[in-house]
């Protein structure tokens, strides 16, 4: 029987390699990628059965990359591996696209169990968070005043918050620099942001940038 094909998405090379060594006795790790855009390029080519994804990745975070990936490959299973212990985030991702949610401090046997459960058609949430989940209903991703960032605004905001210039962001997204400027100032206007520091804090609030 062919081994399950797994793709690992994590921007920490040592972490990705550790996951690979842990999984390879019973799975085939078909690749590792270090950012959300690389994930979206690699997955359609490698055709994994399951993706392990970190939420804090450069260029395109794991939340938005995974949402796009499920539209590209609806049958692929996704397990979150993160340091974020916020149960609301676990509820959100599980309600939308994830089949599993693990913390990076979880034991290796827990990852293997999660992979087995998810591939059998089930779900898995780390026991460390299970007691907290019932208190949180899935929230929509709307921000203050009922407004929500569009997918393109989220992409632009993450790139700018990571310190990239408008020209660099435009090259990554294959658009004109003035398009990036338009999105930036539209975001600042719609959400009442007065300067780049407030823009950065807003990006962190929207989970587009790691707070660590």
Protein backbone atom coordinates (compact mmCIF):
# COMPACT_ATOMS: atom_id res chain seq x y z
CA UNK A 1 0.00 0.00 0.00
CA UNK A 2 1.33 3.44 -0.94
CA UNK A 3 2.35 5.64 1.95
CA UNK A 4 0.37 8.77 2.78
CA UNK A 5 1.86 11.82 1.09
CA UNK A 6 2.52 14.75 3.43
CA UNK A 7 3.75 18.28 2.69
CA UNK A 8 5.24 20.31 5.56
CA UNK A 9 4.91 24.12 5.57
CA UNK A 10 7.03 25.80 8.24
CA UNK A 11 9.54 28.63 7.98
CA UNK A 12 11.82 27.13 10.65
CA UNK A 13 14.04 24.62 8.86
CA UNK A 14 14.97 22.66 11.99
CA UNK A 15 11.31 22.29 12.94
CA UNK A 16 10.33 21.15 9.44
CA UNK A 17 13.16 18.61 9.40
CA UNK A 18 12.15 17.30 12.82
CA UNK A 19 8.58 16.77 11.61
CA UNK A 20 9.93 15.00 8.53
CA UNK A 21 12.04 12.58 10.59
CA UNK A 22 9.12 11.87 12.89
CA UNK A 23 6.67 11.13 10.09
CA UNK A 24 8.79 9.26 7.55
CA UNK A 25 8.63 5.79 9.11
CA UNK A 26 4.95 5.56 8.17
CA UNK A 27 4.39 8.47 5.76
CA UNK A 28 6.08 9.90 2.69
CA UNK A 29 7.08 13.54 3.21
CA UNK A 30 6.96 14.81 -0.37
CA UNK A 31 8.37 18.23 0.41
CA UNK A 32 8.91 21.09 2.83
CA UNK A 33 8.20 24.76 2.13
CA UNK A 34 8.98 27.87 4.17
CA UNK A 35 6.22 30.34 3.28
CA UNK A 36 2.58 30.43 2.27
CA UNK A 37 3.22 31.33 -1.35
CA UNK A 38 5.63 28.45 -1.77
CA UNK A 39 2.95 26.19 -0.30
CA UNK A 40 0.43 27.29 -2.93
CA UNK A 41 2.97 26.67 -5.70
CA UNK A 42 4.14 23.30 -4.43
CA UNK A 43 0.91 21.63 -3.37
CA UNK A 44 -0.77 21.36 -6.81
CA UNK A 45 2.44 19.81 -8.18
CA UNK A 46 3.19 17.46 -5.28
CA UNK A 47 -0.44 16.47 -4.66
CA UNK A 48 -0.16 15.69 -0.94
CA UNK A 49 -2.90 13.88 0.94
CA UNK A 50 -2.24 16.03 3.99
CA UNK A 51 -0.48 19.31 4.76
CA UNK A 52 1.07 20.28 8.09
CA UNK A 53 1.01 24.07 8.27
CA UNK A 54 2.46 26.66 10.62
CA UNK A 55 0.28 29.76 10.96
CA UNK A 56 3.09 32.31 11.22
CA UNK A 57 4.91 32.22 7.88
CA UNK A 58 6.38 35.03 5.76
CA UNK A 59 5.02 36.35 2.45
CA UNK A 60 1.64 34.72 3.08
CA UNK A 61 0.60 33.45 6.51
CA UNK A 62 -0.69 29.95 7.12
CA UNK A 63 -4.27 31.07 7.74
CA UNK A 64 -4.74 32.73 4.35
CA UNK A 65 -2.57 30.23 2.50
CA UNK A 66 -4.59 27.32 3.88
CA UNK A 67 -7.89 28.96 2.94
CA UNK A 68 -6.62 29.39 -0.63
CA UNK A 69 -5.21 25.87 -0.68
CA UNK A 70 -8.58 24.34 0.19
CA UNK A 71 -10.07 26.12 -2.80
CA UNK A 72 -7.29 24.78 -5.03
CA UNK A 73 -7.35 21.24 -3.59
CA UNK A 74 -10.66 20.68 -1.79
CA UNK A 75 -9.80 17.11 -0.80
CA UNK A 76 -6.49 17.87 0.89
CA UNK A 77 -6.46 17.57 4.68
CA UNK A 78 -4.75 20.29 6.73
CA UNK A 79 -3.38 20.04 10.25
CA UNK A 80 -2.25 23.19 12.04
CA UNK A 81 1.02 23.05 13.98
CA UNK A 82 1.51 26.30 15.88
CA UNK A 83 2.74 27.94 19.06
CA UNK A 84 -0.51 29.93 19.34
CA UNK A 85 -2.59 28.58 22.22
CA UNK A 86 -5.59 30.85 21.67
CA UNK A 87 -8.64 28.52 21.61
CA UNK A 88 -10.53 31.03 19.47
CA UNK A 89 -8.00 30.51 16.70
CA UNK A 90 -8.39 26.75 16.97
CA UNK A 91 -12.17 27.11 16.70
CA UNK A 92 -11.91 29.44 13.71
CA UNK A 93 -9.51 27.29 11.71
CA UNK A 94 -11.33 24.05 12.50
CA UNK A 95 -14.63 25.58 11.44
CA UNK A 96 -13.25 26.82 8.13
CA UNK A 97 -10.55 24.55 6.71
CA UNK A 98 -8.48 22.64 9.28
CA UNK A 99 -8.97 19.01 10.25
CA UNK A 100 -6.51 19.15 13.12
CA UNK A 101 -4.95 21.66 15.53
CA UNK A 102 -1.73 20.89 17.43
CA UNK A 103 0.73 22.92 19.44
CA UNK A 104 4.41 22.72 18.62
CA UNK A 105 5.08 21.72 22.19
CA UNK A 106 2.88 18.63 21.73
CA UNK A 107 4.54 15.24 21.97
CA UNK A 108 5.59 13.51 18.78
CA UNK A 109 3.16 10.65 19.35
CA UNK A 110 0.35 13.22 19.39
CA UNK A 111 1.25 14.37 15.88
CA UNK A 112 1.21 10.79 14.63
CA UNK A 113 -2.16 10.21 16.27
CA UNK A 114 -3.55 13.38 14.71
CA UNK A 115 -2.37 12.31 11.26
CA UNK A 116 -3.98 8.88 11.66
CA UNK A 117 -7.28 10.32 12.91
CA UNK A 118 -7.51 12.94 10.18
CA UNK A 119 -6.69 10.50 7.39
CA UNK A 120 -9.47 8.22 8.66
CA UNK A 121 -11.88 11.10 8.12
CA UNK A 122 -11.94 12.41 11.68
CA UNK A 123 -10.61 15.53 13.35
CA UNK A 124 -8.06 16.11 16.08
CA UNK A 125 -7.55 18.96 18.55
CA UNK A 126 -4.75 18.80 21.08
CA UNK A 127 -6.02 17.87 24.55
CA UNK A 128 -4.23 20.98 25.85
CA UNK A 129 -6.98 23.12 24.28
CA UNK A 130 -10.03 20.87 24.26
CA UNK A 131 -11.33 22.10 27.60
CA UNK A 132 -11.37 25.70 26.34
CA UNK A 133 -13.05 25.21 22.97
CA UNK A 134 -16.66 25.02 24.07
CA UNK A 135 -16.54 28.60 25.36
CA UNK A 136 -15.91 30.01 21.89
CA UNK A 137 -18.26 29.94 18.92
CA UNK A 138 -16.64 30.40 15.52
CA UNK A 139 -16.23 34.12 14.93
CA UNK A 140 -16.28 35.67 11.50
CA UNK A 141 -13.06 37.39 10.61
CA UNK A 142 -14.57 40.83 10.69
CA UNK A 143 -12.73 43.64 12.30
CA UNK A 144 -13.99 46.73 14.11
CA UNK A 145 -17.31 48.19 13.04
CA UNK A 146 -18.35 45.03 11.18
CA UNK A 147 -15.80 45.65 8.40
CA UNK A 148 -13.50 42.91 7.18
CA UNK A 149 -10.28 43.01 5.23
CA UNK A 150 -10.56 41.58 1.73
CA UNK A 151 -8.20 38.72 0.82
CA UNK A 152 -6.10 41.11 -1.27
CA UNK A 153 -5.96 43.66 1.56
CA UNK A 154 -4.74 40.92 3.90
CA UNK A 155 -1.96 40.00 1.46
CA UNK A 156 -0.86 43.61 1.05
CA UNK A 157 -1.02 44.32 4.77
CA UNK A 158 1.10 41.31 5.68
CA UNK A 159 3.82 42.19 3.17
CA UNK A 160 3.99 45.81 4.33
CA UNK A 161 3.96 44.80 7.99
CA UNK A 162 6.91 42.49 7.29
CA UNK A 163 8.87 45.57 6.23
CA UNK A 164 8.68 45.24 2.48
CA UNK A 165 8.49 48.39 0.40
CA UNK A 166 5.51 49.06 -1.83
CA UNK A 167 7.69 48.24 -4.85
CA UNK A 168 8.74 44.90 -3.33
CA UNK A 169 5.14 44.05 -2.39
CA UNK A 170 4.02 44.91 -5.91
CA UNK A 171 6.62 42.56 -7.39
CA UNK A 172 5.54 39.70 -5.13
CA UNK A 173 1.85 40.18 -5.97
CA UNK A 174 2.49 40.96 -9.66
CA UNK A 175 0.65 44.28 -9.54
CA UNK A 176 1.59 47.94 -10.00
CA UNK A 177 3.14 49.85 -7.11
CA UNK A 178 0.24 52.28 -7.20
CA UNK A 179 -2.11 49.35 -6.56
CA UNK A 180 -0.25 48.57 -3.34
CA UNK A 181 -0.44 52.24 -2.35
CA UNK A 182 -4.17 52.24 -3.04
CA UNK A 183 -4.76 49.21 -0.82
CA UNK A 184 -2.58 50.58 1.98
CA UNK A 185 -4.33 53.89 2.20
CA UNK A 186 -7.74 52.29 1.78
CA UNK A 187 -6.98 50.06 4.78
CA UNK A 188 -5.79 53.02 6.82
CA UNK A 189 -8.89 55.01 5.93
CA UNK A 190 -11.40 52.22 6.53
CA UNK A 191 -9.96 51.14 9.88
CA UNK A 192 -8.96 54.55 11.21
CA UNK A 193 -5.20 53.96 11.20
CA UNK A 194 -3.12 57.11 11.41
CA UNK A 195 0.43 55.94 10.77
CA UNK A 196 2.66 52.95 10.01
CA UNK A 197 2.95 51.99 13.69
CA UNK A 198 -0.82 51.67 13.94
CA UNK A 199 -0.80 49.72 10.67
CA UNK A 200 1.73 47.30 12.17
CA UNK A 201 -0.31 46.81 15.35
CA UNK A 202 -3.42 46.23 13.25
CA UNK A 203 -1.60 43.56 11.21
CA UNK A 204 -0.66 41.79 14.45
CA UNK A 205 -4.25 42.00 15.68
CA UNK A 206 -5.39 40.43 12.41
CA UNK A 207 -2.86 37.60 12.93
CA UNK A 208 -0.95 38.54 9.80
CA UNK A 209 2.31 38.89 11.70
CA UNK A 210 3.79 37.02 14.61
CA UNK A 211 3.73 38.87 17.91
CA UNK A 212 6.74 36.95 19.22
